[in-house]
């Protein structure tokens, strides 16, 4: 297994954990842990895409990271106002 494969496996694994936990209703899409798993999973998967110079996935994962950050910020802001 190449280093990029190992990194990709970890990143995609985190994304799948988030997906399965949410699909099984163990966590909600609005829960911070969901956004955190997506943030780190996408960042790691994006890095693995960078390692192999696969730019379309670098872009996809970068957008995914920013969406997760936005979700965390929105969640934090809504909890502060209550």
PDB file of N, CA and C in Angstrom:
ATOM      1  N   UNK A   1       0.855  -1.178   0.000  1.00  0.00           N
ATOM      2  CA  UNK A   1       0.000   0.000   0.000  1.00  0.00           C
ATOM      3  C   UNK A   1       0.900   1.241   0.000  1.00  0.00           C
ATOM      4  N   UNK A   2       0.619   2.135  -0.921  1.00  0.00           N
ATOM      5  CA  UNK A   2       1.371   3.391  -1.002  1.00  0.00           C
ATOM      6  C   UNK A   2       0.923   4.337   0.122  1.00  0.00           C
ATOM      7  N   UNK A   3       1.791   5.274   0.504  1.00  0.00           N
ATOM      8  CA  UNK A   3       1.402   6.235   1.546  1.00  0.00           C
ATOM      9  C   UNK A   3       0.112   6.995   1.204  1.00  0.00           C
ATOM     10  N   UNK A   4      -0.045   7.375  -0.047  1.00  0.00           N
ATOM     11  CA  UNK A   4      -1.264   8.103  -0.432  1.00  0.00           C
ATOM     12  C   UNK A   4      -2.504   7.234  -0.253  1.00  0.00           C
ATOM     13  N   UNK A   5      -2.387   5.933  -0.487  1.00  0.00           N
ATOM     14  CA  UNK A   5      -3.513   5.020  -0.278  1.00  0.00           C
ATOM     15  C   UNK A   5      -3.886   4.933   1.201  1.00  0.00           C
ATOM     16  N   UNK A   6      -2.881   4.872   2.060  1.00  0.00           N
ATOM     17  CA  UNK A   6      -3.135   4.806   3.492  1.00  0.00           C
ATOM     18  C   UNK A   6      -3.815   6.086   3.981  1.00  0.00           C
ATOM     19  N   UNK A   7      -3.312   7.220   3.550  1.00  0.00           N
ATOM     20  CA  UNK A   7      -3.899   8.512   3.937  1.00  0.00           C
ATOM     21  C   UNK A   7      -5.338   8.598   3.432  1.00  0.00           C
ATOM     22  N   UNK A   8      -5.555   8.202   2.184  1.00  0.00           N
ATOM     23  CA  UNK A   8      -6.912   8.237   1.613  1.00  0.00           C
ATOM     24  C   UNK A   8      -7.855   7.325   2.383  1.00  0.00           C
ATOM     25  N   UNK A   9      -7.386   6.158   2.779  1.00  0.00           N
ATOM     26  CA  UNK A   9      -8.208   5.212   3.525  1.00  0.00           C
ATOM     27  C   UNK A   9      -8.654   5.801   4.857  1.00  0.00           C
ATOM     28  N   UNK A  10      -7.757   6.474   5.532  1.00  0.00           N
ATOM     29  CA  UNK A  10      -8.099   7.114   6.808  1.00  0.00           C
ATOM     30  C   UNK A  10      -9.144   8.212   6.589  1.00  0.00           C
ATOM     31  N   UNK A  11      -8.903   9.081   5.598  1.00  0.00           N
ATOM     32  CA  UNK A  11      -9.836  10.179   5.319  1.00  0.00           C
ATOM     33  C   UNK A  11     -11.209   9.690   4.925  1.00  0.00           C
ATOM     34  N   UNK A  12     -11.253   8.759   4.004  1.00  0.00           N
ATOM     35  CA  UNK A  12     -12.541   8.229   3.547  1.00  0.00           C
ATOM     36  C   UNK A  12     -13.211   7.452   4.680  1.00  0.00           C
ATOM     37  N   UNK A  13     -12.417   6.792   5.500  1.00  0.00           N
ATOM     38  CA  UNK A  13     -12.980   6.082   6.648  1.00  0.00           C
ATOM     39  C   UNK A  13     -13.715   7.021   7.587  1.00  0.00           C
ATOM     40  N   UNK A  14     -13.124   8.170   7.862  1.00  0.00           N
ATOM     41  CA  UNK A  14     -13.787   9.163   8.720  1.00  0.00           C
ATOM     42  C   UNK A  14     -15.074   9.672   8.089  1.00  0.00           C
ATOM     43  N   UNK A  15     -15.050   9.910   6.789  1.00  0.00           N
ATOM     44  CA  UNK A  15     -16.259  10.364   6.096  1.00  0.00           C
ATOM     45  C   UNK A  15     -17.354   9.297   6.165  1.00  0.00           C
ATOM     46  N   UNK A  16     -16.969   8.049   6.014  1.00  0.00           N
ATOM     47  CA  UNK A  16     -17.955   6.973   6.073  1.00  0.00           C
ATOM     48  C   UNK A  16     -18.498   6.771   7.489  1.00  0.00           C
ATOM     49  N   UNK A  17     -17.656   6.922   8.490  1.00  0.00           N
ATOM     50  CA  UNK A  17     -18.129   6.835   9.870  1.00  0.00           C
ATOM     51  C   UNK A  17     -19.195   7.900  10.110  1.00  0.00           C
ATOM     52  N   UNK A  18     -18.924   9.133   9.678  1.00  0.00           N
ATOM     53  CA  UNK A  18     -19.904  10.213   9.838  1.00  0.00           C
ATOM     54  C   UNK A  18     -21.207   9.861   9.121  1.00  0.00           C
ATOM     55  N   UNK A  19     -21.089   9.373   7.909  1.00  0.00           N
ATOM     56  CA  UNK A  19     -22.273   9.023   7.123  1.00  0.00           C
ATOM     57  C   UNK A  19     -23.092   7.928   7.796  1.00  0.00           C
ATOM     58  N   UNK A  20     -22.439   6.852   8.214  1.00  0.00           N
ATOM     59  CA  UNK A  20     -23.155   5.738   8.835  1.00  0.00           C
ATOM     60  C   UNK A  20     -23.778   6.126  10.169  1.00  0.00           C
ATOM     61  N   UNK A  21     -23.059   6.880  10.990  1.00  0.00           N
ATOM     62  CA  UNK A  21     -23.624   7.313  12.269  1.00  0.00           C
ATOM     63  C   UNK A  21     -24.872   8.156  12.061  1.00  0.00           C
ATOM     64  N   UNK A  22     -24.822   9.029  11.057  1.00  0.00           N
ATOM     65  CA  UNK A  22     -25.983   9.872  10.761  1.00  0.00           C
ATOM     66  C   UNK A  22     -27.107   9.050  10.139  1.00  0.00           C
ATOM     67  N   UNK A  23     -26.776   8.141   9.233  1.00  0.00           N
ATOM     68  CA  UNK A  23     -27.792   7.313   8.584  1.00  0.00           C
ATOM     69  C   UNK A  23     -28.488   6.396   9.586  1.00  0.00           C
ATOM     70  N   UNK A  24     -27.755   5.931  10.580  1.00  0.00           N
ATOM     71  CA  UNK A  24     -28.333   5.062  11.609  1.00  0.00           C
ATOM     72  C   UNK A  24     -28.992   5.861  12.733  1.00  0.00           C
ATOM     73  N   UNK A  25     -29.022   7.168  12.558  1.00  0.00           N
ATOM     74  CA  UNK A  25     -29.650   8.087  13.517  1.00  0.00           C
ATOM     75  C   UNK A  25     -28.997   8.040  14.906  1.00  0.00           C
ATOM     76  N   UNK A  26     -27.701   7.740  14.921  1.00  0.00           N
ATOM     77  CA  UNK A  26     -26.947   7.781  16.171  1.00  0.00           C
ATOM     78  C   UNK A  26     -26.449   9.193  16.453  1.00  0.00           C
ATOM     79  N   UNK A  27     -26.295   9.971  15.394  1.00  0.00           N
ATOM     80  CA  UNK A  27     -25.989  11.397  15.496  1.00  0.00           C
ATOM     81  C   UNK A  27     -26.855  12.124  14.477  1.00  0.00           C
ATOM     82  N   UNK A  28     -27.018  13.419  14.692  1.00  0.00           N
ATOM     83  CA  UNK A  28     -27.773  14.236  13.742  1.00  0.00           C
ATOM     84  C   UNK A  28     -26.797  15.002  12.860  1.00  0.00           C
ATOM     85  N   UNK A  29     -27.253  15.376  11.674  1.00  0.00           N
ATOM     86  CA  UNK A  29     -26.420  16.153  10.763  1.00  0.00           C
ATOM     87  C   UNK A  29     -26.048  17.507  11.368  1.00  0.00           C
ATOM     88  N   UNK A  30     -26.832  17.972  12.332  1.00  0.00           N
ATOM     89  CA  UNK A  30     -26.569  19.252  12.972  1.00  0.00           C
ATOM     90  C   UNK A  30     -25.591  19.133  14.141  1.00  0.00           C
ATOM     91  N   UNK A  31     -25.272  17.911  14.566  1.00  0.00           N
ATOM     92  CA  UNK A  31     -24.359  17.711  15.684  1.00  0.00           C
ATOM     93  C   UNK A  31     -22.932  18.104  15.308  1.00  0.00           C
ATOM     94  N   UNK A  32     -22.227  18.739  16.223  1.00  0.00           N
ATOM     95  CA  UNK A  32     -20.841  19.136  15.937  1.00  0.00           C
ATOM     96  C   UNK A  32     -19.943  17.952  15.567  1.00  0.00           C
ATOM     97  N   UNK A  33     -20.164  16.779  16.155  1.00  0.00           N
ATOM     98  CA  UNK A  33     -19.304  15.633  15.843  1.00  0.00           C
ATOM     99  C   UNK A  33     -19.416  15.242  14.371  1.00  0.00           C
ATOM    100  N   UNK A  34     -20.598  15.421  13.800  1.00  0.00           N
ATOM    101  CA  UNK A  34     -20.786  15.126  12.376  1.00  0.00           C
ATOM    102  C   UNK A  34     -19.925  16.061  11.529  1.00  0.00           C
ATOM    103  N   UNK A  35     -19.953  17.334  11.845  1.00  0.00           N
ATOM    104  CA  UNK A  35     -19.151  18.304  11.098  1.00  0.00           C
ATOM    105  C   UNK A  35     -17.659  18.067  11.323  1.00  0.00           C
ATOM    106  N   UNK A  36     -17.283  17.704  12.546  1.00  0.00           N
ATOM    107  CA  UNK A  36     -15.869  17.461  12.845  1.00  0.00           C
ATOM    108  C   UNK A  36     -15.348  16.245  12.071  1.00  0.00           C
ATOM    109  N   UNK A  37     -16.120  15.172  12.056  1.00  0.00           N
ATOM    110  CA  UNK A  37     -15.726  13.995  11.274  1.00  0.00           C
ATOM    111  C   UNK A  37     -15.603  14.336   9.794  1.00  0.00           C
ATOM    112  N   UNK A  38     -16.560  15.111   9.285  1.00  0.00           N
ATOM    113  CA  UNK A  38     -16.499  15.530   7.878  1.00  0.00           C
ATOM    114  C   UNK A  38     -15.304  16.440   7.619  1.00  0.00           C
ATOM    115  N   UNK A  39     -15.036  17.352   8.533  1.00  0.00           N
ATOM    116  CA  UNK A  39     -13.911  18.277   8.383  1.00  0.00           C
ATOM    117  C   UNK A  39     -12.597  17.514   8.280  1.00  0.00           C
ATOM    118  N   UNK A  40     -12.336  16.650   9.253  1.00  0.00           N
ATOM    119  CA  UNK A  40     -11.068  15.929   9.245  1.00  0.00           C
ATOM    120  C   UNK A  40     -11.003  14.884   8.135  1.00  0.00           C
ATOM    121  N   UNK A  41     -12.114  14.206   7.893  1.00  0.00           N
ATOM    122  CA  UNK A  41     -12.135  13.229   6.807  1.00  0.00           C
ATOM    123  C   UNK A  41     -11.864  13.865   5.458  1.00  0.00           C
ATOM    124  N   UNK A  42     -12.522  14.984   5.197  1.00  0.00           N
ATOM    125  CA  UNK A  42     -12.328  15.675   3.912  1.00  0.00           C
ATOM    126  C   UNK A  42     -10.928  16.254   3.801  1.00  0.00           C
ATOM    127  N   UNK A  43     -10.412  16.802   4.890  1.00  0.00           N
ATOM    128  CA  UNK A  43      -9.055  17.365   4.858  1.00  0.00           C
ATOM    129  C   UNK A  43      -8.026  16.277   4.564  1.00  0.00           C
ATOM    130  N   UNK A  44      -8.170  15.132   5.220  1.00  0.00           N
ATOM    131  CA  UNK A  44      -7.221  14.033   5.011  1.00  0.00           C
ATOM    132  C   UNK A  44      -7.372  13.450   3.609  1.00  0.00           C
ATOM    133  N   UNK A  45      -8.605  13.255   3.165  1.00  0.00           N
ATOM    134  CA  UNK A  45      -8.831  12.735   1.812  1.00  0.00           C
ATOM    135  C   UNK A  45      -8.331  13.729   0.763  1.00  0.00           C
ATOM    136  N   UNK A  46      -8.526  15.015   1.034  1.00  0.00           N
ATOM    137  CA  UNK A  46      -8.020  16.038   0.113  1.00  0.00           C
ATOM    138  C   UNK A  46      -6.503  16.028   0.035  1.00  0.00           C
ATOM    139  N   UNK A  47      -5.866  15.833   1.177  1.00  0.00           N
ATOM    140  CA  UNK A  47      -4.398  15.755   1.190  1.00  0.00           C
ATOM    141  C   UNK A  47      -3.916  14.552   0.380  1.00  0.00           C
ATOM    142  N   UNK A  48      -4.609  13.430   0.513  1.00  0.00           N
ATOM    143  CA  UNK A  48      -4.202  12.250  -0.267  1.00  0.00           C
ATOM    144  C   UNK A  48      -4.379  12.512  -1.766  1.00  0.00           C
ATOM    145  N   UNK A  49      -5.409  13.253  -2.122  1.00  0.00           N
ATOM    146  CA  UNK A  49      -5.610  13.617  -3.533  1.00  0.00           C
ATOM    147  C   UNK A  49      -4.501  14.541  -4.010  1.00  0.00           C
ATOM    148  N   UNK A  50      -4.067  15.425  -3.134  1.00  0.00           N
ATOM    149  CA  UNK A  50      -2.945  16.327  -3.456  1.00  0.00           C
ATOM    150  C   UNK A  50      -1.669  15.514  -3.666  1.00  0.00           C
ATOM    151  N   UNK A  51      -1.495  14.477  -2.850  1.00  0.00           N
ATOM    152  CA  UNK A  51      -0.293  13.637  -2.946  1.00  0.00           C
ATOM    153  C   UNK A  51      -0.179  12.970  -4.313  1.00  0.00           C
ATOM    154  N   UNK A  52      -1.310  12.663  -4.937  1.00  0.00           N
ATOM    155  CA  UNK A  52      -1.283  12.006  -6.246  1.00  0.00           C
ATOM    156  C   UNK A  52      -1.636  12.980  -7.374  1.00  0.00           C
ATOM    157  N   UNK A  53      -1.705  14.257  -7.033  1.00  0.00           N
ATOM    158  CA  UNK A  53      -1.994  15.322  -8.022  1.00  0.00           C
ATOM    159  C   UNK A  53      -3.330  15.118  -8.735  1.00  0.00           C
ATOM    160  N   UNK A  54      -4.350  14.706  -7.991  1.00  0.00           N
ATOM    161  CA  UNK A  54      -5.682  14.553  -8.563  1.00  0.00           C
ATOM    162  C   UNK A  54      -6.519  15.763  -8.153  1.00  0.00           C
ATOM    163  N   UNK A  55      -6.356  16.826  -8.921  1.00  0.00           N
ATOM    164  CA  UNK A  55      -6.893  18.142  -8.579  1.00  0.00           C
ATOM    165  C   UNK A  55      -8.419  18.185  -8.458  1.00  0.00           C
ATOM    166  N   UNK A  56      -9.195  17.475  -9.285  1.00  0.00           N
ATOM    167  CA  UNK A  56     -10.658  17.538  -9.094  1.00  0.00           C
ATOM    168  C   UNK A  56     -11.085  17.146  -7.679  1.00  0.00           C
ATOM    169  N   UNK A  57     -10.450  16.131  -7.104  1.00  0.00           N
ATOM    170  CA  UNK A  57     -10.804  15.736  -5.750  1.00  0.00           C
ATOM    171  C   UNK A  57     -10.219  16.676  -4.708  1.00  0.00           C
ATOM    172  N   UNK A  58      -9.102  17.302  -5.013  1.00  0.00           N
ATOM    173  CA  UNK A  58      -8.571  18.329  -4.105  1.00  0.00           C
ATOM    174  C   UNK A  58      -9.601  19.446  -3.971  1.00  0.00           C
ATOM    175  N   UNK A  59     -10.175  19.855  -5.092  1.00  0.00           N
ATOM    176  CA  UNK A  59     -11.195  20.905  -5.088  1.00  0.00           C
ATOM    177  C   UNK A  59     -12.441  20.435  -4.337  1.00  0.00           C
ATOM    178  N   UNK A  60     -12.905  19.231  -4.631  1.00  0.00           N
ATOM    179  CA  UNK A  60     -14.087  18.682  -3.965  1.00  0.00           C
ATOM    180  C   UNK A  60     -13.891  18.645  -2.449  1.00  0.00           C
ATOM    181  N   UNK A  61     -12.774  18.108  -2.013  1.00  0.00           N
ATOM    182  CA  UNK A  61     -12.527  17.974  -0.579  1.00  0.00           C
ATOM    183  C   UNK A  61     -12.303  19.331   0.088  1.00  0.00           C
ATOM    184  N   UNK A  62     -11.726  20.277  -0.625  1.00  0.00           N
ATOM    185  CA  UNK A  62     -11.556  21.626  -0.080  1.00  0.00           C
ATOM    186  C   UNK A  62     -12.911  22.272   0.171  1.00  0.00           C
ATOM    187  N   UNK A  63     -13.821  22.131  -0.781  1.00  0.00           N
ATOM    188  CA  UNK A  63     -15.175  22.656  -0.594  1.00  0.00           C
ATOM    189  C   UNK A  63     -15.846  21.960   0.587  1.00  0.00           C
ATOM    190  N   UNK A  64     -15.664  20.652   0.695  1.00  0.00           N
ATOM    191  CA  UNK A  64     -16.245  19.873   1.785  1.00  0.00           C
ATOM    192  C   UNK A  64     -15.726  20.382   3.141  1.00  0.00           C
ATOM    193  N   UNK A  65     -14.431  20.684   3.207  1.00  0.00           N
ATOM    194  CA  UNK A  65     -13.838  21.231   4.437  1.00  0.00           C
ATOM    195  C   UNK A  65     -14.498  22.562   4.796  1.00  0.00           C
ATOM    196  N   UNK A  66     -14.645  23.445   3.820  1.00  0.00           N
ATOM    197  CA  UNK A  66     -15.245  24.751   4.098  1.00  0.00           C
ATOM    198  C   UNK A  66     -16.711  24.628   4.520  1.00  0.00           C
ATOM    199  N   UNK A  67     -17.437  23.692   3.948  1.00  0.00           N
ATOM    200  CA  UNK A  67     -18.825  23.470   4.359  1.00  0.00           C
ATOM    201  C   UNK A  67     -18.868  22.980   5.800  1.00  0.00           C
ATOM    202  N   UNK A  68     -17.960  22.081   6.159  1.00  0.00           N
ATOM    203  CA  UNK A  68     -17.908  21.581   7.536  1.00  0.00           C
ATOM    204  C   UNK A  68     -17.548  22.701   8.512  1.00  0.00           C
ATOM    205  N   UNK A  69     -16.605  23.553   8.138  1.00  0.00           N
ATOM    206  CA  UNK A  69     -16.232  24.693   8.991  1.00  0.00           C
ATOM    207  C   UNK A  69     -17.426  25.627   9.152  1.00  0.00           C
ATOM    208  N   UNK A  70     -18.127  25.912   8.068  1.00  0.00           N
ATOM    209  CA  UNK A  70     -19.316  26.763   8.121  1.00  0.00           C
ATOM    210  C   UNK A  70     -20.368  26.160   9.050  1.00  0.00           C
ATOM    211  N   UNK A  71     -20.556  24.840   8.933  1.00  0.00           N
ATOM    212  CA  UNK A  71     -21.527  24.156   9.784  1.00  0.00           C
ATOM    213  C   UNK A  71     -21.141  24.267  11.257  1.00  0.00           C
ATOM    214  N   UNK A  72     -19.868  24.088  11.566  1.00  0.00           N
ATOM    215  CA  UNK A  72     -19.413  24.222  12.952  1.00  0.00           C
ATOM    216  C   UNK A  72     -19.617  25.641  13.464  1.00  0.00           C
ATOM    217  N   UNK A  73     -19.285  26.621  12.635  1.00  0.00           N
ATOM    218  CA  UNK A  73     -19.447  28.019  13.010  1.00  0.00           C
ATOM    219  C   UNK A  73     -20.916  28.343  13.263  1.00  0.00           C
ATOM    220  N   UNK A  74     -21.777  27.876  12.364  1.00  0.00           N
ATOM    221  CA  UNK A  74     -23.211  28.116  12.495  1.00  0.00           C
ATOM    222  C   UNK A  74     -23.746  27.465  13.772  1.00  0.00           C
ATOM    223  N   UNK A  75     -23.297  26.254  14.055  1.00  0.00           N
ATOM    224  CA  UNK A  75     -23.722  25.535  15.264  1.00  0.00           C
ATOM    225  C   UNK A  75     -23.250  26.268  16.513  1.00  0.00           C
ATOM    226  N   UNK A  76     -22.018  26.703  16.514  1.00  0.00           N
ATOM    227  CA  UNK A  76     -21.462  27.427  17.654  1.00  0.00           C
ATOM    228  C   UNK A  76     -22.217  28.735  17.889  1.00  0.00           C
ATOM    229  N   UNK A  77     -22.482  29.452  16.799  1.00  0.00           N
ATOM    230  CA  UNK A  77     -23.179  30.735  16.883  1.00  0.00           C
ATOM    231  C   UNK A  77     -24.597  30.550  17.414  1.00  0.00           C
ATOM    232  N   UNK A  78     -25.308  29.511  16.967  1.00  0.00           N
ATOM    233  CA  UNK A  78     -26.673  29.287  17.414  1.00  0.00           C
ATOM    234  C   UNK A  78     -26.711  28.878  18.887  1.00  0.00           C
ATOM    235  N   UNK A  79     -25.718  28.146  19.351  1.00  0.00           N
ATOM    236  CA  UNK A  79     -25.681  27.749  20.764  1.00  0.00           C
ATOM    237  C   UNK A  79     -25.337  28.921  21.664  1.00  0.00           C
ATOM    238  N   UNK A  80     -24.545  29.857  21.174  1.00  0.00           N
ATOM    239  CA  UNK A  80     -24.202  31.056  21.964  1.00  0.00           C
ATOM    240  C   UNK A  80     -25.387  31.968  22.135  1.00  0.00           C
ATOM    241  N   UNK A  81     -26.267  32.007  21.133  1.00  0.00           N
ATOM    242  CA  UNK A  81     -27.398  32.925  21.189  1.00  0.00           C
ATOM    243  C   UNK A  81     -28.569  32.377  22.011  1.00  0.00           C
ATOM    244  N   UNK A  82     -28.493  31.119  22.418  1.00  0.00           N
ATOM    245  CA  UNK A  82     -29.598  30.552  23.215  1.00  0.00           C
ATOM    246  C   UNK A  82     -29.305  30.552  24.683  1.00  0.00           C
TER     247      UNK A  82
END
